[in-house]
């Protein structure tokens, strides 16, 4: 099983002419390993391969689809329905996903503990983070690096909705704090917080032209 997973990764990391080979491997091998708990497939996966995974790997807990920029929200809908036991999901670099896809995933995959949304600037919005805060109460770690649509309200949703949060990366999100309220909320409510990415904090709207780095 581990050899098969490793082979998927090696194939996908070559170049585009191997894309069909990798997807064919998914279609032929995944149905034979229905008890998979972890799977890494990047970056040439297509929507049909995602459907194959969702239809066969219902016990999947750890899924890495990073850099699969061709995948759209339809793939997230399929995964959420077929793999509700996910505890770790990495979709960093999947820039085509939107906030609707994240909302859908959060409503089905309520066991999520680790979520990597690095570079998913269309998907990581205040609305999406509210859905995560409402549904994913077990969340421990979230990477929002480069997600410049993240705002104060979104961070607050995570603070109050995810009591087990111990790591949050907000690097490269731009100047999103309009007040120090979120900073105080992080320090006062996230008692398990061990890792906090560099923040650009605006203490007033006037200071947004020259944010303070903390």
Protein backbone atom coordinates (compact mmCIF):
# COMPACT_ATOMS: atom_id res chain seq x y z
CA UNK A 1 0.00 0.00 0.00
CA UNK A 2 2.76 2.44 0.88
CA UNK A 3 4.59 1.66 -2.35
CA UNK A 4 1.48 2.47 -4.33
CA UNK A 5 1.10 5.80 -2.56
CA UNK A 6 4.74 6.68 -3.10
CA UNK A 7 4.44 5.84 -6.77
CA UNK A 8 1.50 8.18 -7.17
CA UNK A 9 3.55 11.04 -5.75
CA UNK A 10 6.61 10.30 -7.86
CA UNK A 11 4.57 10.14 -11.06
CA UNK A 12 2.73 13.37 -10.35
CA UNK A 13 5.92 15.27 -9.63
CA UNK A 14 7.35 14.72 -13.12
CA UNK A 15 5.71 16.84 -15.81
CA UNK A 16 2.42 17.25 -17.64
CA UNK A 17 2.88 14.38 -20.08
CA UNK A 18 2.60 11.99 -17.12
CA UNK A 19 -0.76 13.37 -16.06
CA UNK A 20 -2.84 10.67 -17.76
CA UNK A 21 -0.58 7.95 -16.36
CA UNK A 22 -1.07 9.17 -12.81
CA UNK A 23 -4.83 9.47 -13.14
CA UNK A 24 -5.01 6.03 -14.72
CA UNK A 25 -3.12 4.65 -11.73
CA UNK A 26 -5.65 6.23 -9.39
CA UNK A 27 -8.54 4.64 -11.29
CA UNK A 28 -6.92 1.20 -11.31
CA UNK A 29 -5.32 1.03 -7.85
CA UNK A 30 -7.46 3.08 -5.48
CA UNK A 31 -10.48 0.72 -5.75
CA UNK A 32 -8.18 -2.08 -4.54
CA UNK A 33 -7.15 -0.16 -1.41
CA UNK A 34 -10.48 0.84 0.06
CA UNK A 35 -9.10 0.91 3.62
CA UNK A 36 -6.63 3.69 2.89
CA UNK A 37 -6.15 6.15 5.74
CA UNK A 38 -3.70 8.50 4.02
CA UNK A 39 -3.19 9.60 0.43
CA UNK A 40 -0.92 12.16 -1.25
CA UNK A 41 -1.58 13.05 -4.89
CA UNK A 42 -0.13 16.19 -6.44
CA UNK A 43 -0.23 18.16 -8.66
CA UNK A 44 -1.86 16.67 -11.77
CA UNK A 45 -5.04 15.09 -10.45
CA UNK A 46 -8.29 15.49 -12.40
CA UNK A 47 -11.89 15.58 -11.20
CA UNK A 48 -12.59 11.96 -12.22
CA UNK A 49 -9.72 10.76 -10.04
CA UNK A 50 -11.11 12.71 -7.09
CA UNK A 51 -14.44 11.02 -7.70
CA UNK A 52 -12.71 7.62 -7.67
CA UNK A 53 -11.11 8.43 -4.32
CA UNK A 54 -14.39 9.65 -2.83
CA UNK A 55 -16.30 6.60 -4.05
CA UNK A 56 -13.83 4.08 -2.63
CA UNK A 57 -11.94 5.56 0.33
CA UNK A 58 -14.67 6.34 2.83
CA UNK A 59 -12.31 5.84 5.79
CA UNK A 60 -9.70 8.27 4.49
CA UNK A 61 -8.32 10.51 7.25
CA UNK A 62 -5.31 12.27 5.71
CA UNK A 63 -5.49 13.72 2.19
CA UNK A 64 -2.92 15.90 0.43
CA UNK A 65 -4.10 17.45 -2.83
CA UNK A 66 -1.75 20.43 -2.74
CA UNK A 67 -0.92 22.25 -5.99
CA UNK A 68 -3.81 20.66 -7.89
CA UNK A 69 -4.81 24.02 -9.32
CA UNK A 70 -7.02 22.44 -12.00
CA UNK A 71 -9.51 21.13 -9.45
CA UNK A 72 -12.67 23.14 -8.79
CA UNK A 73 -15.35 23.25 -6.13
CA UNK A 74 -17.08 20.22 -7.63
CA UNK A 75 -14.16 18.09 -6.45
CA UNK A 76 -14.52 19.43 -2.92
CA UNK A 77 -18.24 18.61 -2.95
CA UNK A 78 -17.45 15.06 -4.05
CA UNK A 79 -14.73 14.59 -1.43
CA UNK A 80 -16.82 15.99 1.39
CA UNK A 81 -19.64 13.54 0.72
CA UNK A 82 -17.39 10.53 0.21
CA UNK A 83 -14.71 11.15 2.85
CA UNK A 84 -16.45 12.55 5.94
CA UNK A 85 -13.80 11.11 8.28
CA UNK A 86 -11.02 13.42 7.12
CA UNK A 87 -8.97 14.81 9.99
CA UNK A 88 -6.18 16.33 7.88
CA UNK A 89 -6.66 18.09 4.55
CA UNK A 90 -4.00 19.90 2.54
CA UNK A 91 -5.29 21.85 -0.45
CA UNK A 92 -2.58 24.50 -0.46
CA UNK A 93 -2.00 26.01 -3.87
CA UNK A 94 -5.42 24.91 -5.16
CA UNK A 95 -6.27 28.41 -6.30
CA UNK A 96 -9.50 27.54 -8.15
CA UNK A 97 -11.41 26.59 -4.99
CA UNK A 98 -13.89 29.15 -3.67
CA UNK A 99 -15.44 29.89 -0.29
CA UNK A 100 -18.46 27.79 -1.29
CA UNK A 101 -16.29 24.69 -1.51
CA UNK A 102 -14.78 25.32 1.91
CA UNK A 103 -18.22 25.86 3.44
CA UNK A 104 -19.35 22.54 2.00
CA UNK A 105 -16.29 20.68 3.27
CA UNK A 106 -16.71 22.11 6.76
CA UNK A 107 -20.33 21.01 6.90
CA UNK A 108 -19.48 17.37 6.06
CA UNK A 109 -15.94 16.92 7.41
CA UNK A 110 -16.53 17.95 11.00
CA UNK A 111 -13.62 15.89 12.34
CA UNK A 112 -11.00 18.09 10.67
CA UNK A 113 -8.04 18.85 12.92
CA UNK A 114 -5.47 20.12 10.44
CA UNK A 115 -6.37 22.28 7.44
CA UNK A 116 -3.87 23.82 5.02
CA UNK A 117 -5.32 26.58 2.84
CA UNK A 118 -2.04 28.28 1.98
CA UNK A 119 -2.49 30.31 -1.20
CA UNK A 120 -6.22 29.55 -1.47
CA UNK A 121 -7.05 33.25 -1.59
CA UNK A 122 -10.48 32.75 -3.21
CA UNK A 123 -11.48 30.06 -0.74
CA UNK A 124 -10.23 31.51 2.54
CA UNK A 125 -12.64 34.35 3.24
CA UNK A 126 -14.43 35.56 6.35
CA UNK A 127 -17.52 33.65 5.24
CA UNK A 128 -15.57 30.42 4.82
CA UNK A 129 -13.82 30.82 8.16
CA UNK A 130 -17.16 31.37 9.86
CA UNK A 131 -18.34 28.03 8.46
CA UNK A 132 -15.16 26.37 9.74
CA UNK A 133 -15.64 27.92 13.16
CA UNK A 134 -19.26 26.80 13.26
CA UNK A 135 -18.65 23.22 12.11
CA UNK A 136 -15.07 22.14 12.80
CA UNK A 137 -14.88 22.35 16.56
CA UNK A 138 -11.95 19.91 16.72
CA UNK A 139 -9.69 22.04 14.51
CA UNK A 140 -6.18 22.34 15.92
CA UNK A 141 -4.13 23.85 13.11
CA UNK A 142 -4.91 26.05 10.10
CA UNK A 143 -2.59 27.62 7.53
CA UNK A 144 -3.96 30.78 5.92
CA UNK A 145 -0.67 32.03 4.50
CA UNK A 146 -1.12 34.23 1.44
CA UNK A 147 -4.89 34.39 1.89
CA UNK A 148 -5.31 38.15 1.63
CA UNK A 149 -9.12 38.01 1.84
CA UNK A 150 -8.92 36.93 5.47
CA UNK A 151 -10.26 39.66 7.73
CA UNK A 152 -10.81 40.41 11.36
CA UNK A 153 -14.22 38.71 11.40
CA UNK A 154 -12.81 35.49 9.99
CA UNK A 155 -10.09 35.25 12.60
CA UNK A 156 -12.63 35.88 15.35
CA UNK A 157 -14.78 33.02 14.02
CA UNK A 158 -11.85 30.65 14.43
CA UNK A 159 -10.97 32.00 17.86
CA UNK A 160 -14.42 31.43 19.30
CA UNK A 161 -15.39 28.37 17.26
CA UNK A 162 -12.25 26.25 17.56
CA UNK A 163 -11.27 25.94 21.24
CA UNK A 164 -8.48 23.42 20.53
CA UNK A 165 -6.64 25.68 18.07
CA UNK A 166 -2.90 25.46 18.73
CA UNK A 167 -1.41 26.72 15.44
CA UNK A 168 -2.50 29.41 13.00
CA UNK A 169 -0.43 30.86 10.17
CA UNK A 170 -1.57 34.26 8.91
CA UNK A 171 1.64 35.22 7.10
CA UNK A 172 1.15 37.12 3.88
CA UNK A 173 -2.51 37.84 4.53
CA UNK A 174 -1.89 41.56 4.28
CA UNK A 175 -3.19 44.21 6.62
CA UNK A 176 -6.38 42.65 7.92
CA UNK A 177 -6.66 43.72 11.58
CA UNK A 178 -8.67 46.93 11.93
CA UNK A 179 -8.40 46.86 15.73
CA UNK A 180 -6.48 44.96 18.36
CA UNK A 181 -9.60 42.96 19.21
CA UNK A 182 -8.47 39.85 17.37
CA UNK A 183 -5.03 39.95 18.94
CA UNK A 184 -6.62 40.09 22.37
CA UNK A 185 -9.05 37.32 21.46
CA UNK A 186 -6.20 35.07 20.31
CA UNK A 187 -4.25 35.64 23.51
CA UNK A 188 -7.23 35.33 25.85
CA UNK A 189 -9.17 32.47 24.27
CA UNK A 190 -6.71 30.24 22.39
CA UNK A 191 -5.12 28.79 25.49
CA UNK A 192 -3.44 25.95 23.55
CA UNK A 193 -1.87 28.25 20.94
CA UNK A 194 1.78 27.32 20.37
CA UNK A 195 2.45 28.62 16.86
CA UNK A 196 1.44 31.96 15.38
CA UNK A 197 2.72 33.15 12.02
CA UNK A 198 3.96 36.74 11.57
CA UNK A 199 1.11 39.24 11.70
CA UNK A 200 0.68 42.64 10.10
CA UNK A 201 -1.55 44.48 12.52
CA UNK A 202 -3.34 47.74 11.78
CA UNK A 203 -4.19 49.49 15.01
CA UNK A 204 -6.35 52.03 13.18
CA UNK A 205 -7.59 52.62 9.65
CA UNK A 206 -5.11 55.48 9.33
CA UNK A 207 -2.22 53.13 10.02
CA UNK A 208 -3.14 50.77 7.19
CA UNK A 209 -0.68 52.55 4.93
CA UNK A 210 2.11 51.55 7.29
CA UNK A 211 1.13 48.41 9.23
CA UNK A 212 3.12 47.27 12.26
CA UNK A 213 4.75 43.87 12.05
CA UNK A 214 4.45 41.79 15.21
